[in-house]
PDB file of N, CA and C in Angstrom:
ATOM      1  N   MET A   1     -17.345 -13.525 -29.435  1.00  0.00           N
ATOM      2  CA  MET A   1     -16.365 -13.014 -28.505  1.00  0.00           C
ATOM      3  C   MET A   1     -15.239 -12.376 -29.310  1.00  0.00           C
ATOM      4  N   ALA A   2     -14.845 -11.197 -28.930  1.00  0.00           N
ATOM      5  CA  ALA A   2     -13.795 -10.472 -29.638  1.00  0.00           C
ATOM      6  C   ALA A   2     -12.433 -11.057 -29.278  1.00  0.00           C
ATOM      7  N   SER A   3     -11.560 -11.123 -30.263  1.00  0.00           N
ATOM      8  CA  SER A   3     -10.215 -11.636 -30.000  1.00  0.00           C
ATOM      9  C   SER A   3      -9.358 -10.521 -29.398  1.00  0.00           C
ATOM     10  N   ARG A   4      -8.395 -10.934 -28.612  1.00  0.00           N
ATOM     11  CA  ARG A   4      -7.510  -9.990 -27.928  1.00  0.00           C
ATOM     12  C   ARG A   4      -6.414  -9.535 -28.891  1.00  0.00           C
ATOM     13  N   ASP A   5      -6.170  -8.243 -28.897  1.00  0.00           N
ATOM     14  CA  ASP A   5      -5.092  -7.675 -29.709  1.00  0.00           C
ATOM     15  C   ASP A   5      -3.750  -8.152 -29.153  1.00  0.00           C
ATOM     16  N   GLN A   6      -2.772  -8.341 -29.980  1.00  0.00           N
ATOM     17  CA  GLN A   6      -1.457  -8.818 -29.558  1.00  0.00           C
ATOM     18  C   GLN A   6      -0.767  -7.840 -28.611  1.00  0.00           C
ATOM     19  N   ASN A   7      -1.061  -6.556 -28.714  1.00  0.00           N
ATOM     20  CA  ASN A   7      -0.411  -5.549 -27.872  1.00  0.00           C
ATOM     21  C   ASN A   7      -1.119  -5.342 -26.544  1.00  0.00           C
ATOM     22  N   THR A   8      -2.284  -5.916 -26.357  1.00  0.00           N
ATOM     23  CA  THR A   8      -3.050  -5.752 -25.124  1.00  0.00           C
ATOM     24  C   THR A   8      -2.567  -6.770 -24.094  1.00  0.00           C
ATOM     25  N   PRO A   9      -2.206  -6.323 -22.883  1.00  0.00           N
ATOM     26  CA  PRO A   9      -1.742  -7.279 -21.867  1.00  0.00           C
ATOM     27  C   PRO A   9      -2.881  -8.172 -21.384  1.00  0.00           C
ATOM     28  N   ALA A  10      -2.526  -9.344 -20.922  1.00  0.00           N
ATOM     29  CA  ALA A  10      -3.523 -10.298 -20.441  1.00  0.00           C
ATOM     30  C   ALA A  10      -3.982  -9.980 -19.021  1.00  0.00           C
ATOM     31  N   PHE A  11      -3.256  -9.127 -18.335  1.00  0.00           N
ATOM     32  CA  PHE A  11      -3.627  -8.775 -16.962  1.00  0.00           C
ATOM     33  C   PHE A  11      -3.331  -7.307 -16.719  1.00  0.00           C
ATOM     34  N   GLN A  12      -3.865  -6.808 -15.600  1.00  0.00           N
ATOM     35  CA  GLN A  12      -3.626  -5.413 -15.212  1.00  0.00           C
ATOM     36  C   GLN A  12      -3.223  -5.367 -13.742  1.00  0.00           C
ATOM     37  N   ARG A  13      -2.417  -4.394 -13.404  1.00  0.00           N
ATOM     38  CA  ARG A  13      -1.933  -4.211 -12.032  1.00  0.00           C
ATOM     39  C   ARG A  13      -2.555  -2.938 -11.465  1.00  0.00           C
ATOM     40  N   ASN A  14      -3.746  -3.076 -10.920  1.00  0.00           N
ATOM     41  CA  ASN A  14      -4.459  -1.921 -10.379  1.00  0.00           C
ATOM     42  C   ASN A  14      -3.807  -1.370  -9.117  1.00  0.00           C
ATOM     43  N   ALA A  15      -3.134  -2.206  -8.362  1.00  0.00           N
ATOM     44  CA  ALA A  15      -2.568  -1.783  -7.082  1.00  0.00           C
ATOM     45  C   ALA A  15      -1.188  -1.149  -7.223  1.00  0.00           C
ATOM     46  N   LEU A  16      -0.649  -1.104  -8.424  1.00  0.00           N
ATOM     47  CA  LEU A  16       0.735  -0.643  -8.601  1.00  0.00           C
ATOM     48  C   LEU A  16       0.918   0.828  -8.209  1.00  0.00           C
ATOM     49  N   LEU A  17       0.117   1.723  -8.752  1.00  0.00           N
ATOM     50  CA  LEU A  17       0.278   3.148  -8.463  1.00  0.00           C
ATOM     51  C   LEU A  17       0.012   3.491  -6.990  1.00  0.00           C
ATOM     52  N   PRO A  18      -1.099   3.018  -6.390  1.00  0.00           N
ATOM     53  CA  PRO A  18      -1.292   3.352  -4.966  1.00  0.00           C
ATOM     54  C   PRO A  18      -0.197   2.777  -4.070  1.00  0.00           C
ATOM     55  N   SER A  19       0.318   1.608  -4.427  1.00  0.00           N
ATOM     56  CA  SER A  19       1.382   1.037  -3.599  1.00  0.00           C
ATOM     57  C   SER A  19       2.680   1.824  -3.746  1.00  0.00           C
ATOM     58  N   PHE A  20       2.986   2.322  -4.940  1.00  0.00           N
ATOM     59  CA  PHE A  20       4.184   3.146  -5.125  1.00  0.00           C
ATOM     60  C   PHE A  20       4.070   4.459  -4.360  1.00  0.00           C
ATOM     61  N   ILE A  21       2.896   5.062  -4.364  1.00  0.00           N
ATOM     62  CA  ILE A  21       2.700   6.325  -3.640  1.00  0.00           C
ATOM     63  C   ILE A  21       2.876   6.109  -2.140  1.00  0.00           C
ATOM     64  N   ALA A  22       2.227   5.065  -1.605  1.00  0.00           N
ATOM     65  CA  ALA A  22       2.339   4.793  -0.167  1.00  0.00           C
ATOM     66  C   ALA A  22       3.770   4.432   0.212  1.00  0.00           C
ATOM     67  N   ALA A  23       4.456   3.652  -0.630  1.00  0.00           N
ATOM     68  CA  ALA A  23       5.844   3.281  -0.338  1.00  0.00           C
ATOM     69  C   ALA A  23       6.748   4.511  -0.350  1.00  0.00           C
ATOM     70  N   ALA A  24       6.524   5.412  -1.286  1.00  0.00           N
ATOM     71  CA  ALA A  24       7.335   6.635  -1.341  1.00  0.00           C
ATOM     72  C   ALA A  24       7.138   7.463  -0.075  1.00  0.00           C
ATOM     73  N   VAL A  25       5.904   7.585   0.379  1.00  0.00           N
ATOM     74  CA  VAL A  25       5.634   8.339   1.611  1.00  0.00           C
ATOM     75  C   VAL A  25       6.282   7.647   2.810  1.00  0.00           C
ATOM     76  N   LEU A  26       6.232   6.313   2.839  1.00  0.00           N
ATOM     77  CA  LEU A  26       6.859   5.595   3.950  1.00  0.00           C
ATOM     78  C   LEU A  26       8.378   5.735   3.933  1.00  0.00           C
ATOM     79  N   PHE A  27       8.984   5.747   2.742  1.00  0.00           N
ATOM     80  CA  PHE A  27      10.427   5.939   2.675  1.00  0.00           C
ATOM     81  C   PHE A  27      10.818   7.349   3.118  1.00  0.00           C
ATOM     82  N   LEU A  28       9.952   8.320   2.881  1.00  0.00           N
ATOM     83  CA  LEU A  28      10.216   9.695   3.297  1.00  0.00           C
ATOM     84  C   LEU A  28       9.735   9.991   4.718  1.00  0.00           C
ATOM     85  N   ALA A  29       9.059   9.057   5.341  1.00  0.00           N
ATOM     86  CA  ALA A  29       8.456   9.275   6.656  1.00  0.00           C
ATOM     87  C   ALA A  29       9.436   9.730   7.727  1.00  0.00           C
ATOM     88  N   PRO A  30      10.650   9.196   7.806  1.00  0.00           N
ATOM     89  CA  PRO A  30      11.557   9.690   8.861  1.00  0.00           C
ATOM     90  C   PRO A  30      11.799  11.195   8.792  1.00  0.00           C
ATOM     91  N   VAL A  31      11.771  11.755   7.603  1.00  0.00           N
ATOM     92  CA  VAL A  31      11.958  13.199   7.447  1.00  0.00           C
ATOM     93  C   VAL A  31      10.645  13.927   7.709  1.00  0.00           C
ATOM     94  N   ILE A  32       9.546  13.390   7.207  1.00  0.00           N
ATOM     95  CA  ILE A  32       8.242  14.052   7.311  1.00  0.00           C
ATOM     96  C   ILE A  32       7.725  14.043   8.750  1.00  0.00           C
ATOM     97  N   LEU A  33       7.996  12.974   9.500  1.00  0.00           N
ATOM     98  CA  LEU A  33       7.448  12.865  10.849  1.00  0.00           C
ATOM     99  C   LEU A  33       7.998  13.907  11.814  1.00  0.00           C
ATOM    100  N   LYS A  34       9.081  14.567  11.458  1.00  0.00           N
ATOM    101  CA  LYS A  34       9.660  15.605  12.324  1.00  0.00           C
ATOM    102  C   LYS A  34       9.091  16.985  12.021  1.00  0.00           C
ATOM    103  N   THR A  35       8.090  17.048  11.137  1.00  0.00           N
ATOM    104  CA  THR A  35       7.491  18.325  10.750  1.00  0.00           C
ATOM    105  C   THR A  35       6.012  18.326  11.119  1.00  0.00           C
ATOM    106  N   ASP A  36       5.331  19.405  10.724  1.00  0.00           N
ATOM    107  CA  ASP A  36       3.894  19.502  10.969  1.00  0.00           C
ATOM    108  C   ASP A  36       3.089  18.628  10.014  1.00  0.00           C
ATOM    109  N   TRP A  37       3.724  18.008   9.044  1.00  0.00           N
ATOM    110  CA  TRP A  37       3.057  17.183   8.041  1.00  0.00           C
ATOM    111  C   TRP A  37       2.957  15.715   8.458  1.00  0.00           C
ATOM    112  N   SER A  38       3.222  15.400   9.691  1.00  0.00           N
ATOM    113  CA  SER A  38       3.267  14.002  10.119  1.00  0.00           C
ATOM    114  C   SER A  38       1.912  13.293   9.976  1.00  0.00           C
ATOM    115  N   ALA A  39       0.826  14.026  10.110  1.00  0.00           N
ATOM    116  CA  ALA A  39      -0.494  13.399   9.960  1.00  0.00           C
ATOM    117  C   ALA A  39      -0.736  12.949   8.521  1.00  0.00           C
ATOM    118  N   ILE A  40      -0.104  13.624   7.575  1.00  0.00           N
ATOM    119  CA  ILE A  40      -0.251  13.248   6.164  1.00  0.00           C
ATOM    120  C   ILE A  40       0.269  11.829   5.940  1.00  0.00           C
ATOM    121  N   VAL A  41       1.364  11.478   6.604  1.00  0.00           N
ATOM    122  CA  VAL A  41       1.916  10.125   6.468  1.00  0.00           C
ATOM    123  C   VAL A  41       0.881   9.105   6.897  1.00  0.00           C
ATOM    124  N   LEU A  42       0.247   9.333   8.029  1.00  0.00           N
ATOM    125  CA  LEU A  42      -0.739   8.384   8.536  1.00  0.00           C
ATOM    126  C   LEU A  42      -1.930   8.257   7.587  1.00  0.00           C
ATOM    127  N   TYR A  43      -2.419   9.376   7.083  1.00  0.00           N
ATOM    128  CA  TYR A  43      -3.550   9.330   6.152  1.00  0.00           C
ATOM    129  C   TYR A  43      -3.205   8.609   4.855  1.00  0.00           C
ATOM    130  N   VAL A  44      -2.064   8.953   4.268  1.00  0.00           N
ATOM    131  CA  VAL A  44      -1.692   8.357   2.976  1.00  0.00           C
ATOM    132  C   VAL A  44      -1.471   6.856   3.126  1.00  0.00           C
ATOM    133  N   VAL A  45      -0.795   6.445   4.184  1.00  0.00           N
ATOM    134  CA  VAL A  45      -0.508   5.021   4.369  1.00  0.00           C
ATOM    135  C   VAL A  45      -1.787   4.247   4.687  1.00  0.00           C
ATOM    136  N   ALA A  46      -2.624   4.765   5.561  1.00  0.00           N
ATOM    137  CA  ALA A  46      -3.853   4.050   5.910  1.00  0.00           C
ATOM    138  C   ALA A  46      -4.792   3.929   4.712  1.00  0.00           C
ATOM    139  N   ILE A  47      -4.995   5.017   3.993  1.00  0.00           N
ATOM    140  CA  ILE A  47      -5.880   4.973   2.829  1.00  0.00           C
ATOM    141  C   ILE A  47      -5.260   4.117   1.728  1.00  0.00           C
ATOM    142  N   GLY A  48      -3.956   4.250   1.515  1.00  0.00           N
ATOM    143  CA  GLY A  48      -3.280   3.416   0.527  1.00  0.00           C
ATOM    144  C   GLY A  48      -3.368   1.939   0.867  1.00  0.00           C
ATOM    145  N   ALA A  49      -3.249   1.606   2.153  1.00  0.00           N
ATOM    146  CA  ALA A  49      -3.352   0.201   2.574  1.00  0.00           C
ATOM    147  C   ALA A  49      -4.742  -0.356   2.286  1.00  0.00           C
ATOM    148  N   LEU A  50      -5.766   0.432   2.538  1.00  0.00           N
ATOM    149  CA  LEU A  50      -7.125  -0.038   2.261  1.00  0.00           C
ATOM    150  C   LEU A  50      -7.354  -0.212   0.760  1.00  0.00           C
ATOM    151  N   ILE A  51      -6.820   0.685  -0.033  1.00  0.00           N
ATOM    152  CA  ILE A  51      -6.988   0.588  -1.491  1.00  0.00           C
ATOM    153  C   ILE A  51      -6.251  -0.635  -2.031  1.00  0.00           C
ATOM    154  N   VAL A  52      -4.992  -0.783  -1.660  1.00  0.00           N
ATOM    155  CA  VAL A  52      -4.199  -1.917  -2.164  1.00  0.00           C
ATOM    156  C   VAL A  52      -4.774  -3.236  -1.652  1.00  0.00           C
ATOM    157  N   GLY A  53      -5.194  -3.269  -0.407  1.00  0.00           N
ATOM    158  CA  GLY A  53      -5.825  -4.483   0.130  1.00  0.00           C
ATOM    159  C   GLY A  53      -7.092  -4.849  -0.618  1.00  0.00           C
ATOM    160  N   TRP A  54      -7.896  -3.842  -0.970  1.00  0.00           N
ATOM    161  CA  TRP A  54      -9.120  -4.105  -1.729  1.00  0.00           C
ATOM    162  C   TRP A  54      -8.798  -4.648  -3.114  1.00  0.00           C
ATOM    163  N   PHE A  55      -7.783  -4.087  -3.764  1.00  0.00           N
ATOM    164  CA  PHE A  55      -7.382  -4.615  -5.069  1.00  0.00           C
ATOM    165  C   PHE A  55      -6.883  -6.054  -4.946  1.00  0.00           C
ATOM    166  N   GLY A  56      -6.232  -6.369  -3.847  1.00  0.00           N
ATOM    167  CA  GLY A  56      -5.797  -7.746  -3.610  1.00  0.00           C
ATOM    168  C   GLY A  56      -6.969  -8.689  -3.459  1.00  0.00           C
ATOM    169  N   VAL A  57      -7.982  -8.270  -2.725  1.00  0.00           N
ATOM    170  CA  VAL A  57      -9.183  -9.098  -2.562  1.00  0.00           C
ATOM    171  C   VAL A  57      -9.899  -9.255  -3.903  1.00  0.00           C
ATOM    172  N   GLN A  58      -9.990  -8.186  -4.684  1.00  0.00           N
ATOM    173  CA  GLN A  58     -10.632  -8.272  -5.993  1.00  0.00           C
ATOM    174  C   GLN A  58      -9.882  -9.204  -6.935  1.00  0.00           C
ATOM    175  N   ALA A  59      -8.560  -9.291  -6.788  1.00  0.00           N
ATOM    176  CA  ALA A  59      -7.757 -10.170  -7.632  1.00  0.00           C
ATOM    177  C   ALA A  59      -7.752 -11.608  -7.103  1.00  0.00           C
ATOM    178  N   LYS A  60      -8.610 -11.883  -6.112  1.00  0.00           N
ATOM    179  CA  LYS A  60      -8.729 -13.197  -5.497  1.00  0.00           C
ATOM    180  C   LYS A  60      -7.437 -13.623  -4.788  1.00  0.00           C
ATOM    181  N   GLN A  61      -6.730 -12.647  -4.252  1.00  0.00           N
ATOM    182  CA  GLN A  61      -5.561 -12.886  -3.408  1.00  0.00           C
ATOM    183  C   GLN A  61      -5.885 -12.293  -2.040  1.00  0.00           C
ATOM    184  N   TRP A  62      -6.799 -12.957  -1.324  1.00  0.00           N
ATOM    185  CA  TRP A  62      -7.407 -12.414  -0.112  1.00  0.00           C
ATOM    186  C   TRP A  62      -6.405 -12.140   1.005  1.00  0.00           C
ATOM    187  N   TRP A  63      -5.268 -12.834   1.024  1.00  0.00           N
ATOM    188  CA  TRP A  63      -4.286 -12.629   2.093  1.00  0.00           C
ATOM    189  C   TRP A  63      -3.739 -11.208   2.108  1.00  0.00           C
ATOM    190  N   TRP A  64      -3.720 -10.555   0.933  1.00  0.00           N
ATOM    191  CA  TRP A  64      -3.281  -9.165   0.907  1.00  0.00           C
ATOM    192  C   TRP A  64      -4.256  -8.278   1.675  1.00  0.00           C
ATOM    193  N   GLY A  65      -5.523  -8.617   1.640  1.00  0.00           N
ATOM    194  CA  GLY A  65      -6.515  -7.855   2.394  1.00  0.00           C
ATOM    195  C   GLY A  65      -6.230  -7.883   3.885  1.00  0.00           C
ATOM    196  N   ILE A  66      -5.843  -9.038   4.398  1.00  0.00           N
ATOM    197  CA  ILE A  66      -5.536  -9.172   5.824  1.00  0.00           C
ATOM    198  C   ILE A  66      -4.271  -8.384   6.174  1.00  0.00           C
ATOM    199  N   ILE A  67      -3.252  -8.511   5.344  1.00  0.00           N
ATOM    200  CA  ILE A  67      -1.988  -7.814   5.605  1.00  0.00           C
ATOM    201  C   ILE A  67      -2.197  -6.302   5.608  1.00  0.00           C
ATOM    202  N   PHE A  68      -2.941  -5.805   4.610  1.00  0.00           N
ATOM    203  CA  PHE A  68      -3.104  -4.356   4.517  1.00  0.00           C
ATOM    204  C   PHE A  68      -4.142  -3.819   5.493  1.00  0.00           C
ATOM    205  N   LEU A  69      -5.029  -4.659   5.975  1.00  0.00           N
ATOM    206  CA  LEU A  69      -5.917  -4.223   7.053  1.00  0.00           C
ATOM    207  C   LEU A  69      -5.092  -3.979   8.320  1.00  0.00           C
ATOM    208  N   ALA A  70      -4.122  -4.851   8.580  1.00  0.00           N
ATOM    209  CA  ALA A  70      -3.241  -4.656   9.736  1.00  0.00           C
ATOM    210  C   ALA A  70      -2.418  -3.382   9.583  1.00  0.00           C
ATOM    211  N   ILE A  71      -1.919  -3.122   8.372  1.00  0.00           N
ATOM    212  CA  ILE A  71      -1.159  -1.884   8.140  1.00  0.00           C
ATOM    213  C   ILE A  71      -2.055  -0.664   8.331  1.00  0.00           C
ATOM    214  N   ALA A  72      -3.291  -0.728   7.842  1.00  0.00           N
ATOM    215  CA  ALA A  72      -4.220   0.397   7.998  1.00  0.00           C
ATOM    216  C   ALA A  72      -4.523   0.667   9.472  1.00  0.00           C
ATOM    217  N   VAL A  73      -4.604  -0.377  10.275  1.00  0.00           N
ATOM    218  CA  VAL A  73      -4.869  -0.189  11.708  1.00  0.00           C
ATOM    219  C   VAL A  73      -3.648   0.423  12.401  1.00  0.00           C
ATOM    220  N   LEU A  74      -2.456  -0.052  12.068  1.00  0.00           N
ATOM    221  CA  LEU A  74      -1.248   0.481  12.714  1.00  0.00           C
ATOM    222  C   LEU A  74      -0.968   1.929  12.341  1.00  0.00           C
ATOM    223  N   TRP A  75      -1.312   2.334  11.128  1.00  0.00           N
ATOM    224  CA  TRP A  75      -1.056   3.696  10.671  1.00  0.00           C
ATOM    225  C   TRP A  75      -2.336   4.528  10.642  1.00  0.00           C
ATOM    226  N   ASN A  76      -3.348   4.139  11.410  1.00  0.00           N
ATOM    227  CA  ASN A  76      -4.616   4.876  11.347  1.00  0.00           C
ATOM    228  C   ASN A  76      -4.460   6.272  11.935  1.00  0.00           C
ATOM    229  N   PRO A  77      -5.011   7.275  11.253  1.00  0.00           N
ATOM    230  CA  PRO A  77      -4.874   8.648  11.729  1.00  0.00           C
ATOM    231  C   PRO A  77      -5.916   9.032  12.784  1.00  0.00           C
ATOM    232  N   ALA A  78      -6.984   8.271  12.904  1.00  0.00           N
ATOM    233  CA  ALA A  78      -8.044   8.621  13.849  1.00  0.00           C
ATOM    234  C   ALA A  78      -7.599   8.396  15.290  1.00  0.00           C
ATOM    235  N   PHE A  79      -6.969   7.257  15.545  1.00  0.00           N
ATOM    236  CA  PHE A  79      -6.465   6.930  16.870  1.00  0.00           C
ATOM    237  C   PHE A  79      -5.010   6.480  16.741  1.00  0.00           C
ATOM    238  N   PRO A  80      -4.093   7.428  16.523  1.00  0.00           N
ATOM    239  CA  PRO A  80      -2.691   7.043  16.308  1.00  0.00           C
ATOM    240  C   PRO A  80      -2.089   6.430  17.573  1.00  0.00           C
ATOM    241  N   PHE A  81      -1.256   5.434  17.352  1.00  0.00           N
ATOM    242  CA  PHE A  81      -0.633   4.736  18.469  1.00  0.00           C
ATOM    243  C   PHE A  81       0.537   5.511  19.061  1.00  0.00           C
ATOM    244  N   GLY A  82       1.131   6.395  18.298  1.00  0.00           N
ATOM    245  CA  GLY A  82       2.248   7.187  18.807  1.00  0.00           C
ATOM    246  C   GLY A  82       3.531   6.392  18.919  1.00  0.00           C
ATOM    247  N   PHE A  83       3.738   5.437  18.026  1.00  0.00           N
ATOM    248  CA  PHE A  83       4.976   4.671  18.030  1.00  0.00           C
ATOM    249  C   PHE A  83       6.148   5.605  17.756  1.00  0.00           C
ATOM    250  N   ASP A  84       7.318   5.201  18.241  1.00  0.00           N
ATOM    251  CA  ASP A  84       8.485   6.065  18.113  1.00  0.00           C
ATOM    252  C   ASP A  84       9.744   5.209  18.129  1.00  0.00           C
ATOM    253  N   GLY A  85      10.830   5.774  17.697  1.00  0.00           N
ATOM    254  CA  GLY A  85      12.122   5.125  17.807  1.00  0.00           C
ATOM    255  C   GLY A  85      12.488   4.236  16.633  1.00  0.00           C
ATOM    256  N   THR A  86      13.548   3.491  16.846  1.00  0.00           N
ATOM    257  CA  THR A  86      14.096   2.628  15.801  1.00  0.00           C
ATOM    258  C   THR A  86      13.129   1.531  15.358  1.00  0.00           C
ATOM    259  N   PRO A  87      12.426   0.848  16.274  1.00  0.00           N
ATOM    260  CA  PRO A  87      11.496  -0.187  15.793  1.00  0.00           C
ATOM    261  C   PRO A  87      10.416   0.378  14.850  1.00  0.00           C
ATOM    262  N   TRP A  88       9.973   1.597  15.105  1.00  0.00           N
ATOM    263  CA  TRP A  88       8.959   2.211  14.243  1.00  0.00           C
ATOM    264  C   TRP A  88       9.546   2.547  12.874  1.00  0.00           C
ATOM    265  N   MET A  89      10.786   2.993  12.835  1.00  0.00           N
ATOM    266  CA  MET A  89      11.442   3.273  11.557  1.00  0.00           C
ATOM    267  C   MET A  89      11.634   1.988  10.751  1.00  0.00           C
ATOM    268  N   VAL A  90      11.985   0.909  11.435  1.00  0.00           N
ATOM    269  CA  VAL A  90      12.122  -0.392  10.763  1.00  0.00           C
ATOM    270  C   VAL A  90      10.759  -0.859  10.252  1.00  0.00           C
ATOM    271  N   ALA A  91       9.712  -0.656  11.045  1.00  0.00           N
ATOM    272  CA  ALA A  91       8.363  -1.047  10.620  1.00  0.00           C
ATOM    273  C   ALA A  91       7.931  -0.242   9.398  1.00  0.00           C
ATOM    274  N   GLN A  92       8.285   1.026   9.330  1.00  0.00           N
ATOM    275  CA  GLN A  92       7.933   1.832   8.162  1.00  0.00           C
ATOM    276  C   GLN A  92       8.661   1.345   6.915  1.00  0.00           C
ATOM    277  N   PHE A  93       9.927   0.986   7.056  1.00  0.00           N
ATOM    278  CA  PHE A  93      10.660   0.446   5.921  1.00  0.00           C
ATOM    279  C   PHE A  93      10.065  -0.889   5.487  1.00  0.00           C
ATOM    280  N   ALA A  94       9.734  -1.755   6.456  1.00  0.00           N
ATOM    281  CA  ALA A  94       9.143  -3.052   6.134  1.00  0.00           C
ATOM    282  C   ALA A  94       7.790  -2.883   5.442  1.00  0.00           C
ATOM    283  N   ALA A  95       6.979  -1.941   5.919  1.00  0.00           N
ATOM    284  CA  ALA A  95       5.676  -1.693   5.284  1.00  0.00           C
ATOM    285  C   ALA A  95       5.855  -1.170   3.868  1.00  0.00           C
ATOM    286  N   ALA A  96       6.869  -0.333   3.646  1.00  0.00           N
ATOM    287  CA  ALA A  96       7.134   0.165   2.292  1.00  0.00           C
ATOM    288  C   ALA A  96       7.502  -0.982   1.361  1.00  0.00           C
ATOM    289  N   VAL A  97       8.299  -1.909   1.839  1.00  0.00           N
ATOM    290  CA  VAL A  97       8.667  -3.077   1.028  1.00  0.00           C
ATOM    291  C   VAL A  97       7.434  -3.937   0.746  1.00  0.00           C
ATOM    292  N   VAL A  98       6.572  -4.103   1.738  1.00  0.00           N
ATOM    293  CA  VAL A  98       5.331  -4.877   1.537  1.00  0.00           C
ATOM    294  C   VAL A  98       4.464  -4.200   0.476  1.00  0.00           C
ATOM    295  N   PHE A  99       4.357  -2.874   0.522  1.00  0.00           N
ATOM    296  CA  PHE A  99       3.598  -2.158  -0.504  1.00  0.00           C
ATOM    297  C   PHE A  99       4.181  -2.407  -1.892  1.00  0.00           C
ATOM    298  N   LEU A 100       5.499  -2.336  -2.021  1.00  0.00           N
ATOM    299  CA  LEU A 100       6.126  -2.535  -3.328  1.00  0.00           C
ATOM    300  C   LEU A 100       5.915  -3.955  -3.842  1.00  0.00           C
ATOM    301  N   VAL A 101       6.082  -4.939  -2.966  1.00  0.00           N
ATOM    302  CA  VAL A 101       5.891  -6.340  -3.369  1.00  0.00           C
ATOM    303  C   VAL A 101       4.440  -6.579  -3.782  1.00  0.00           C
ATOM    304  N   ALA A 102       3.510  -6.049  -3.003  1.00  0.00           N
ATOM    305  CA  ALA A 102       2.097  -6.225  -3.340  1.00  0.00           C
ATOM    306  C   ALA A 102       1.751  -5.542  -4.653  1.00  0.00           C
ATOM    307  N   GLY A 103       2.284  -4.357  -4.867  1.00  0.00           N
ATOM    308  CA  GLY A 103       2.009  -3.649  -6.112  1.00  0.00           C
ATOM    309  C   GLY A 103       2.468  -4.424  -7.330  1.00  0.00           C
ATOM    310  N   ILE A 104       3.554  -5.154  -7.184  1.00  0.00           N
ATOM    311  CA  ILE A 104       4.067  -5.949  -8.297  1.00  0.00           C
ATOM    312  C   ILE A 104       3.305  -7.267  -8.442  1.00  0.00           C
ATOM    313  N   LEU A 105       2.938  -7.893  -7.327  1.00  0.00           N
ATOM    314  CA  LEU A 105       2.340  -9.225  -7.390  1.00  0.00           C
ATOM    315  C   LEU A 105       0.824  -9.237  -7.595  1.00  0.00           C
ATOM    316  N   ILE A 106       0.135  -8.194  -7.172  1.00  0.00           N
ATOM    317  CA  ILE A 106      -1.331  -8.182  -7.313  1.00  0.00           C
ATOM    318  C   ILE A 106      -1.668  -7.839  -8.757  1.00  0.00           C
ATOM    319  N   LYS A 107      -2.296  -8.783  -9.422  1.00  0.00           N
ATOM    320  CA  LYS A 107      -2.706  -8.549 -10.804  1.00  0.00           C
ATOM    321  C   LYS A 107      -4.013  -9.294 -11.043  1.00  0.00           C
ATOM    322  N   SER A 108      -4.806  -8.744 -11.918  1.00  0.00           N
ATOM    323  CA  SER A 108      -6.089  -9.367 -12.257  1.00  0.00           C
ATOM    324  C   SER A 108      -6.209  -9.388 -13.779  1.00  0.00           C
ATOM    325  N   PRO A 109      -7.053 -10.273 -14.300  1.00  0.00           N
ATOM    326  CA  PRO A 109      -7.210 -10.353 -15.760  1.00  0.00           C
ATOM    327  C   PRO A 109      -7.722  -9.033 -16.336  1.00  0.00           C
ATOM    328  N   ALA A 110      -7.177  -8.664 -17.475  1.00  0.00           N
ATOM    329  CA  ALA A 110      -7.618  -7.432 -18.151  1.00  0.00           C
ATOM    330  C   ALA A 110      -9.014  -7.642 -18.709  1.00  0.00           C
ATOM    331  N   GLU A 111      -9.810  -6.608 -18.600  1.00  0.00           N
ATOM    332  CA  GLU A 111     -11.194  -6.704 -19.099  1.00  0.00           C
ATOM    333  C   GLU A 111     -11.297  -6.221 -20.501  1.00  0.00           C
TER     334      GLU A 111
END
C-alpha cells in the first residue's frame, strides 16, 4: 500500500463547486426572475440539487439526498409551481444557505 504524501488532503469536497454555483444563482434569483432568463434559475438549481444530493449520498451522508431531492422538486423546471412573493424569496435565500452548508460539510475520503 502506498503511503500518503504529506501535502495530499485526507478528504475531498466534491459537492463544493456545484453548491457554490447553485447558491450564486439563488442569490441572484430575485434579479434574474424578472427577466426572460427565469427558467435558467430553475434548471441550475434543480440540477445542482441532484448533483449535490448525490455527492452527499456517496459520502454516506444520506440525509443530504433527501434535503436536495426536496429542493429539486420545488425548483423543477418541467412542472414549475409558480411560487411568488416574499415567502419565495425567503425560500431561495434559505436554499442558497443550505447549498453552501452542504458544500462545506459533504466530504469523502480522498482516493
